[in-house]
Amino acid sequence: MSPRIAQIRLVSSHPEVYEPCDDSFALVDALLADRNNLLEHNPRLCVEVGCGSGYVITSLALMLGPHIPGAYYIATDLNPHAVRVTSETLEAHGVHAELIQTNIASGLEKRLERMVDVMVVNPPYVPTPEDEVGCEGITSAWAGGENGRRVIDRILPIADCLLSDRGWLYMVTLAANDPSQICRQMKKKGYAYRIVIQRSTEEENLHIIKFWRDPDCELDVKTPVTNKTFPERVVESLVSQFPQLSSWRTGGSNS
């Protein structure tokens, strides 16, 4: 039997809450693609930052819950309407998560430090004017400031603080966010990574990236490289995972 995920007809809505869209579907598809690994991982604490409609955290609880009954789920969102809508979506599917209205994970750092085994994030990644970032209402769900990185760059160090030694982070990124630079940044912090799903729509080129702690990455950063510099090796590794980066680096397929 195929694992259950949230049904759109049971997902609650509100005019000021971001509804499930291509990025939400891609994130859930990435979790489904990695589900066997997640079950083997046996996470005890799963957290979604920016739960919106509740589609993702509900789907995660549905696909893991029957096999990992002891897992605990937490979802956060700055938008009070999103917290209420997520509660309704969870209830409609018969699953539970602790819901917290907060900005990213503010106020939870001490409680959850190094405890989160799975974190899922569909951040505000759309390049927008800086003054739209963090504003009230639905705009805050997508407004990412310059290069769409304003909120992402705040989330990454928080994720590093909250993830357990075996913690996994699944994050949605847009090509405009410079995902290669995000991966280099995380590698310097000691994380390995891989692209679970790449999906192109009419408007977006999405990547769902999985990060996890890897002591070998820390060693790579500290060990001198004789032939190629560390950034060069990282970029070449990333190019193999992001096919479109090959054409960017060479100036396009026609050059």
Protein backbone atom coordinates (compact mmCIF):
# COMPACT_ATOMS: atom_id res chain seq x y z
CA MET A 1 0.00 0.00 0.00
CA SER A 2 1.17 3.51 -0.79
CA PRO A 3 1.87 5.63 2.29
CA ARG A 4 -0.80 8.12 3.23
CA ILE A 5 -0.28 11.85 2.83
CA ALA A 6 -2.57 14.78 3.52
CA GLN A 7 -5.61 15.01 1.26
CA ILE A 8 -6.10 18.41 -0.32
CA ARG A 9 -9.86 18.28 0.26
CA LEU A 10 -9.18 18.00 4.00
CA VAL A 11 -6.58 20.78 4.13
CA SER A 12 -8.08 23.81 5.81
CA SER A 13 -7.66 27.29 4.35
CA HIS A 14 -7.77 30.99 5.12
CA PRO A 15 -7.29 34.03 2.85
CA GLU A 16 -4.12 34.97 4.76
CA VAL A 17 -2.55 31.48 4.73
CA TYR A 18 -0.42 30.05 1.92
CA GLU A 19 -2.19 27.11 0.30
CA PRO A 20 -0.35 23.96 -0.84
CA CYS A 21 1.32 24.60 -4.18
CA ASP A 22 4.14 23.21 -6.32
CA ASP A 23 6.77 23.80 -3.64
CA SER A 24 4.65 22.11 -0.94
CA PHE A 25 4.01 19.14 -3.22
CA ALA A 26 7.70 18.88 -4.09
CA LEU A 27 8.68 18.85 -0.40
CA VAL A 28 6.18 16.10 0.42
CA ASP A 29 7.31 14.15 -2.66
CA ALA A 30 10.89 14.43 -1.41
CA LEU A 31 9.87 13.03 1.97
CA LEU A 32 8.04 10.20 0.22
CA ALA A 33 11.09 9.49 -1.94
CA ASP A 34 13.22 9.29 1.20
CA ARG A 35 10.59 7.52 3.30
CA ASN A 36 12.43 4.20 3.63
CA ASN A 37 15.47 6.06 4.94
CA LEU A 38 13.24 8.06 7.30
CA LEU A 39 11.69 4.88 8.70
CA GLU A 40 15.11 3.37 9.24
CA HIS A 41 16.24 6.67 10.77
CA ASN A 42 13.42 6.26 13.35
CA PRO A 43 13.12 9.97 14.27
CA ARG A 44 11.85 10.81 17.75
CA LEU A 45 11.25 14.52 17.16
CA CYS A 46 10.15 16.08 13.87
CA VAL A 47 9.75 19.84 13.41
CA GLU A 48 8.32 21.92 10.59
CA VAL A 49 9.29 25.59 10.49
CA GLY A 50 6.62 27.66 8.75
CA CYS A 51 3.72 25.19 8.66
CA GLY A 52 1.27 27.33 6.67
CA SER A 53 -1.76 25.18 5.86
CA GLY A 54 -0.36 22.15 7.69
CA TYR A 55 -0.11 20.07 4.50
CA VAL A 56 3.54 19.09 5.02
CA ILE A 57 3.60 18.32 8.77
CA THR A 58 0.33 16.38 8.40
CA SER A 59 1.76 14.38 5.50
CA LEU A 60 4.91 13.62 7.46
CA ALA A 61 2.91 12.43 10.48
CA LEU A 62 0.72 10.26 8.25
CA MET A 63 3.58 8.59 6.41
CA LEU A 64 5.67 7.92 9.53
CA GLY A 65 3.13 7.68 12.35
CA PRO A 66 1.89 4.11 11.85
CA HIS A 67 5.48 2.83 11.83
CA ILE A 68 6.97 5.19 14.42
CA PRO A 69 4.17 5.65 16.97
CA GLY A 70 6.49 7.27 19.50
CA ALA A 71 7.52 10.15 17.23
CA TYR A 72 6.62 13.68 18.40
CA TYR A 73 5.74 16.47 15.95
CA ILE A 74 6.06 20.22 16.38
CA ALA A 75 5.06 22.90 13.85
CA THR A 76 5.73 26.63 14.07
CA ASP A 77 4.47 29.65 12.17
CA LEU A 78 4.52 33.39 12.75
CA ASN A 79 1.04 33.77 11.25
CA PRO A 80 -1.70 33.07 13.85
CA HIS A 81 -4.12 32.12 11.06
CA ALA A 82 -1.63 29.48 9.86
CA VAL A 83 -1.46 27.96 13.34
CA ARG A 84 -5.25 27.66 13.45
CA VAL A 85 -5.48 26.30 9.91
CA THR A 86 -2.75 23.72 10.60
CA SER A 87 -4.62 22.61 13.71
CA GLU A 88 -7.73 22.05 11.62
CA THR A 89 -5.80 20.16 8.94
CA LEU A 90 -4.18 17.87 11.50
CA GLU A 91 -7.50 17.19 13.20
CA ALA A 92 -9.21 16.41 9.90
CA HIS A 93 -6.59 13.71 9.26
CA GLY A 94 -6.58 12.28 12.76
CA VAL A 95 -2.97 13.14 13.60
CA HIS A 96 -1.43 15.46 16.18
CA ALA A 97 1.39 18.00 16.40
CA GLU A 98 2.25 20.62 18.97
CA LEU A 99 1.63 24.02 17.37
CA ILE A 100 3.61 27.11 18.35
CA GLN A 101 3.13 30.64 17.06
CA THR A 102 6.65 32.03 16.79
CA ASN A 103 9.14 33.46 14.32
CA ILE A 104 11.06 30.44 12.97
CA ALA A 105 11.84 28.79 16.33
CA SER A 106 12.26 31.81 18.58
CA GLY A 107 11.96 30.84 22.24
CA LEU A 108 12.52 27.15 21.53
CA GLU A 109 16.31 27.15 21.28
CA LYS A 110 16.96 25.84 24.80
CA ARG A 111 14.07 23.40 24.81
CA LEU A 112 14.95 21.79 21.46
CA GLU A 113 18.72 22.28 21.31
CA ARG A 114 20.36 19.30 19.56
CA MET A 115 17.12 17.29 19.84
CA VAL A 116 15.46 17.54 16.42
CA ASP A 117 15.91 14.43 14.28
CA VAL A 118 13.98 15.70 11.24
CA MET A 119 13.36 19.33 10.29
CA VAL A 120 11.36 20.33 7.22
CA VAL A 121 11.29 23.88 5.89
CA ASN A 122 9.57 25.50 2.95
CA PRO A 123 10.94 28.99 3.62
CA PRO A 124 9.94 32.32 2.10
CA TYR A 125 12.35 32.10 -0.85
CA VAL A 126 10.96 34.47 -3.49
CA PRO A 127 13.18 37.51 -4.23
CA THR A 128 11.22 40.56 -3.07
CA PRO A 129 11.80 44.06 -1.72
CA GLU A 130 13.34 43.89 1.75
CA ASP A 131 10.41 45.69 3.36
CA GLU A 132 8.08 42.79 2.51
CA VAL A 133 10.05 40.30 4.61
CA GLY A 134 8.29 39.36 7.84
CA CYS A 135 5.26 41.57 7.17
CA GLU A 136 1.83 40.54 8.38
CA GLY A 137 -0.43 38.30 6.34
CA ILE A 138 0.16 35.92 3.48
CA THR A 139 2.99 37.93 1.90
CA SER A 140 5.34 36.78 4.64
CA ALA A 141 4.90 33.21 3.37
CA TRP A 142 6.92 33.91 0.22
CA ALA A 143 8.77 37.23 0.68
CA GLY A 144 12.49 36.41 0.92
CA GLY A 145 14.14 39.78 0.31
CA GLU A 146 17.20 40.15 -1.90
CA ASN A 147 17.89 36.88 -3.76
CA GLY A 148 15.21 35.30 -1.59
CA ARG A 149 17.83 34.58 1.05
CA ARG A 150 16.89 36.85 3.94
CA VAL A 151 14.87 34.25 5.86
CA ILE A 152 16.87 31.24 4.65
CA ASP A 153 20.05 32.75 6.06
CA ARG A 154 18.31 33.14 9.43
CA ILE A 155 16.98 29.58 9.42
CA LEU A 156 20.26 27.79 8.71
CA PRO A 157 22.07 28.68 11.99
CA ILE A 158 18.90 27.91 13.94
CA ALA A 159 18.70 24.51 12.26
CA ASP A 160 22.33 23.92 13.18
CA CYS A 161 21.45 24.67 16.81
CA LEU A 162 18.36 22.46 16.94
CA LEU A 163 19.35 19.43 14.88
CA SER A 164 20.51 16.41 16.83
CA ASP A 165 23.79 14.68 16.03
CA ARG A 166 21.84 12.50 13.60
CA GLY A 167 19.44 15.25 12.53
CA TRP A 168 18.27 15.71 8.95
CA LEU A 169 17.13 18.98 7.38
CA TYR A 170 14.94 19.05 4.27
CA MET A 171 14.73 22.51 2.70
CA VAL A 172 13.04 23.94 -0.38
CA THR A 173 15.23 26.30 -2.40
CA LEU A 174 14.82 28.26 -5.60
CA ALA A 175 17.52 28.60 -8.26
CA ALA A 176 17.63 32.34 -7.53
CA ASN A 177 18.62 31.56 -3.92
CA ASP A 178 22.04 30.30 -5.14
CA PRO A 179 21.64 26.77 -3.72
CA SER A 180 25.29 25.98 -4.47
CA GLN A 181 26.36 28.73 -2.07
CA ILE A 182 23.91 27.44 0.57
CA CYS A 183 25.48 23.98 0.27
CA ARG A 184 29.01 25.39 0.56
CA GLN A 185 27.94 27.33 3.64
CA MET A 186 26.47 24.22 5.26
CA LYS A 187 29.48 22.09 4.35
CA LYS A 188 31.70 24.52 6.24
CA LYS A 189 29.49 23.85 9.26
CA GLY A 190 30.08 20.11 8.87
CA TYR A 191 27.07 19.04 6.82
CA ALA A 192 26.85 16.72 3.87
CA TYR A 193 23.99 17.20 1.44
CA ARG A 194 22.17 15.81 -1.55
CA ILE A 195 19.36 16.94 -3.80
CA VAL A 196 16.38 14.69 -3.16
CA ILE A 197 14.13 16.22 -5.82
CA GLN A 198 14.61 18.80 -8.55
CA ARG A 199 11.46 20.12 -10.16
CA SER A 200 10.87 22.78 -12.79
CA THR A 201 7.55 24.53 -13.18
CA GLU A 202 6.49 27.33 -15.49
CA GLU A 203 7.59 29.88 -12.92
CA GLU A 204 10.18 28.18 -10.70
CA ASN A 205 13.16 25.84 -10.64
CA LEU A 206 12.91 24.11 -7.26
CA HIS A 207 15.39 21.94 -5.37
CA ILE A 208 14.63 20.00 -2.22
CA ILE A 209 17.98 19.62 -0.46
CA LYS A 210 18.66 17.24 2.41
CA PHE A 211 21.42 18.15 4.88
CA TRP A 212 22.91 15.98 7.62
CA ARG A 213 25.89 16.20 9.95
CA ASP A 214 29.01 14.50 8.60
CA PRO A 215 32.35 14.58 10.47
CA ASP A 216 34.16 14.01 7.17
CA CYS A 217 32.93 17.40 5.96
CA GLU A 218 34.59 19.11 8.91
CA LEU A 219 37.78 17.22 8.10
CA ASP A 220 37.62 18.37 4.47
CA VAL A 221 37.38 21.99 5.58
CA LYS A 222 40.38 21.72 7.90
CA THR A 223 42.59 19.59 5.64
CA PRO A 224 44.77 21.50 3.12
CA VAL A 225 44.03 20.61 -0.50
CA THR A 226 47.02 20.14 -2.79
CA ASN A 227 45.56 20.20 -6.29
CA LYS A 228 42.20 21.92 -6.07
CA THR A 229 40.91 24.40 -3.57
CA PHE A 230 38.02 23.36 -1.37
CA PRO A 231 35.50 25.70 -3.05
CA GLU A 232 36.44 24.33 -6.47
CA ARG A 233 35.86 20.76 -5.34
CA VAL A 234 32.55 21.69 -3.71
CA VAL A 235 31.32 23.43 -6.85
CA GLU A 236 32.32 20.47 -9.03
CA SER A 237 30.50 18.11 -6.67
CA LEU A 238 27.46 20.35 -6.69
CA VAL A 239 27.47 20.65 -10.48
CA SER A 240 26.97 16.90 -10.69
CA GLN A 241 23.81 17.27 -8.59
CA PHE A 242 22.49 20.49 -10.14
CA PRO A 243 22.58 19.81 -13.91
CA GLN A 244 21.69 23.37 -14.83
CA LEU A 245 24.77 24.68 -13.00
CA SER A 246 26.97 23.19 -15.71
CA SER A 247 25.54 25.53 -18.29
CA TRP A 248 25.74 28.51 -15.89
CA ARG A 249 29.41 27.90 -15.26
CA THR A 250 30.25 27.55 -18.94
CA GLY A 251 28.09 30.48 -19.98
CA GLY A 252 25.25 28.40 -21.41
CA SER A 253 24.90 25.38 -23.63
CA ASN A 254 25.62 27.37 -26.81
CA SER A 255 29.06 28.54 -25.74
